[in-house]
């Protein structure tokens, strides 16, 4: 995966026909935020979450929820 690439990546298991989605990592989130020259506070405001949530995501203490992940992809499209 290329640096700052937040597109969904899919892998198909041909034996069970399951599709696995690789999620946005904390490192990718931080790279995007820095690329946009945004503070954690700004990103939190854009996603309507607490700044501490952004910190936890970047440290990979908690997973990024699907709605926020979709919003991140939208932000990347709009601002980069």
C-alpha atoms as a PDB file:
ATOM      1  CA  UNK A   1       0.000   0.000   0.000  1.00  0.00           C
ATOM      2  CA  UNK A   2       1.277   3.446  -0.871  1.00  0.00           C
ATOM      3  CA  UNK A   3       1.887   6.078   1.779  1.00  0.00           C
ATOM      4  CA  UNK A   4      -1.285   8.012   2.666  1.00  0.00           C
ATOM      5  CA  UNK A   5      -3.466   5.608   0.694  1.00  0.00           C
ATOM      6  CA  UNK A   6      -6.832   5.365   2.472  1.00  0.00           C
ATOM      7  CA  UNK A   7      -8.721   3.542  -0.247  1.00  0.00           C
ATOM      8  CA  UNK A   8     -10.379   0.335   0.859  1.00  0.00           C
ATOM      9  CA  UNK A   9      -8.327  -2.756   0.116  1.00  0.00           C
ATOM     10  CA  UNK A  10     -10.039  -6.072  -0.384  1.00  0.00           C
ATOM     11  CA  UNK A  11      -8.758  -9.605  -0.240  1.00  0.00           C
ATOM     12  CA  UNK A  12     -10.890 -12.530  -1.362  1.00  0.00           C
ATOM     13  CA  UNK A  13     -10.419 -15.951   0.196  1.00  0.00           C
ATOM     14  CA  UNK A  14     -11.238 -18.251  -2.731  1.00  0.00           C
ATOM     15  CA  UNK A  15     -11.888 -21.234  -0.450  1.00  0.00           C
ATOM     16  CA  UNK A  16     -14.676 -19.580   1.556  1.00  0.00           C
ATOM     17  CA  UNK A  17     -15.486 -16.612  -0.706  1.00  0.00           C
ATOM     18  CA  UNK A  18     -15.094 -14.231   2.218  1.00  0.00           C
ATOM     19  CA  UNK A  19     -14.045 -10.660   1.639  1.00  0.00           C
ATOM     20  CA  UNK A  20     -11.780  -9.031   4.205  1.00  0.00           C
ATOM     21  CA  UNK A  21     -11.529  -5.263   4.423  1.00  0.00           C
ATOM     22  CA  UNK A  22      -8.260  -3.785   5.650  1.00  0.00           C
ATOM     23  CA  UNK A  23      -9.063  -0.777   7.779  1.00  0.00           C
ATOM     24  CA  UNK A  24      -7.393   2.601   8.175  1.00  0.00           C
ATOM     25  CA  UNK A  25      -4.521   2.352  10.652  1.00  0.00           C
ATOM     26  CA  UNK A  26      -3.500   4.883  13.263  1.00  0.00           C
ATOM     27  CA  UNK A  27      -0.309   5.561  11.335  1.00  0.00           C
ATOM     28  CA  UNK A  28      -2.265   6.268   8.143  1.00  0.00           C
ATOM     29  CA  UNK A  29      -4.572   8.574  10.060  1.00  0.00           C
ATOM     30  CA  UNK A  30      -1.655  10.531  11.492  1.00  0.00           C
ATOM     31  CA  UNK A  31       0.030  10.751   8.066  1.00  0.00           C
ATOM     32  CA  UNK A  32      -3.172  12.111   6.513  1.00  0.00           C
ATOM     33  CA  UNK A  33      -3.651  14.615   9.333  1.00  0.00           C
ATOM     34  CA  UNK A  34      -0.074  15.837   8.976  1.00  0.00           C
ATOM     35  CA  UNK A  35      -0.387  15.979   5.179  1.00  0.00           C
ATOM     36  CA  UNK A  36      -3.402  18.246   5.634  1.00  0.00           C
ATOM     37  CA  UNK A  37      -1.456  20.276   8.217  1.00  0.00           C
ATOM     38  CA  UNK A  38      -4.302  19.778  10.678  1.00  0.00           C
ATOM     39  CA  UNK A  39      -4.065  19.526  14.437  1.00  0.00           C
ATOM     40  CA  UNK A  40      -5.664  16.652  16.300  1.00  0.00           C
ATOM     41  CA  UNK A  41      -8.210  19.208  17.507  1.00  0.00           C
ATOM     42  CA  UNK A  42      -9.127  20.191  13.930  1.00  0.00           C
ATOM     43  CA  UNK A  43      -9.517  16.588  12.814  1.00  0.00           C
ATOM     44  CA  UNK A  44     -11.636  15.826  15.879  1.00  0.00           C
ATOM     45  CA  UNK A  45     -13.883  18.785  15.073  1.00  0.00           C
ATOM     46  CA  UNK A  46     -14.265  17.680  11.425  1.00  0.00           C
ATOM     47  CA  UNK A  47     -15.243  14.157  12.539  1.00  0.00           C
ATOM     48  CA  UNK A  48     -17.355  15.345  15.466  1.00  0.00           C
ATOM     49  CA  UNK A  49     -15.362  13.346  18.015  1.00  0.00           C
ATOM     50  CA  UNK A  50     -13.308  14.251  21.063  1.00  0.00           C
ATOM     51  CA  UNK A  51      -9.625  15.092  20.541  1.00  0.00           C
ATOM     52  CA  UNK A  52      -8.728  12.239  22.908  1.00  0.00           C
ATOM     53  CA  UNK A  53     -10.430   9.859  20.482  1.00  0.00           C
ATOM     54  CA  UNK A  54      -8.109  11.018  17.688  1.00  0.00           C
ATOM     55  CA  UNK A  55      -5.122  10.488  19.998  1.00  0.00           C
ATOM     56  CA  UNK A  56      -6.305   6.954  20.824  1.00  0.00           C
ATOM     57  CA  UNK A  57      -6.795   6.179  17.120  1.00  0.00           C
ATOM     58  CA  UNK A  58      -3.323   7.421  16.230  1.00  0.00           C
ATOM     59  CA  UNK A  59      -1.774   5.363  19.026  1.00  0.00           C
ATOM     60  CA  UNK A  60      -3.905   2.420  17.858  1.00  0.00           C
ATOM     61  CA  UNK A  61      -5.357   2.035  21.350  1.00  0.00           C
ATOM     62  CA  UNK A  62      -8.834   1.736  19.786  1.00  0.00           C
ATOM     63  CA  UNK A  63     -10.015   0.931  16.273  1.00  0.00           C
ATOM     64  CA  UNK A  64     -11.491   3.603  14.060  1.00  0.00           C
ATOM     65  CA  UNK A  65     -15.231   3.028  13.761  1.00  0.00           C
ATOM     66  CA  UNK A  66     -16.682   2.542  10.278  1.00  0.00           C
ATOM     67  CA  UNK A  67     -18.592   5.881  10.100  1.00  0.00           C
ATOM     68  CA  UNK A  68     -15.472   7.816  11.037  1.00  0.00           C
ATOM     69  CA  UNK A  69     -13.414   5.774   8.595  1.00  0.00           C
ATOM     70  CA  UNK A  70     -15.802   6.719   5.802  1.00  0.00           C
ATOM     71  CA  UNK A  71     -15.604  10.374   6.849  1.00  0.00           C
ATOM     72  CA  UNK A  72     -11.791  10.200   6.741  1.00  0.00           C
ATOM     73  CA  UNK A  73     -11.931   8.921   3.182  1.00  0.00           C
ATOM     74  CA  UNK A  74     -14.252  11.779   2.278  1.00  0.00           C
ATOM     75  CA  UNK A  75     -11.908  14.307   3.893  1.00  0.00           C
ATOM     76  CA  UNK A  76      -8.952  12.874   1.989  1.00  0.00           C
ATOM     77  CA  UNK A  77     -10.834  13.191  -1.312  1.00  0.00           C
ATOM     78  CA  UNK A  78     -11.946  16.734  -0.589  1.00  0.00           C
ATOM     79  CA  UNK A  79      -8.687  18.151   0.802  1.00  0.00           C
ATOM     80  CA  UNK A  80      -5.894  16.329  -1.052  1.00  0.00           C
END
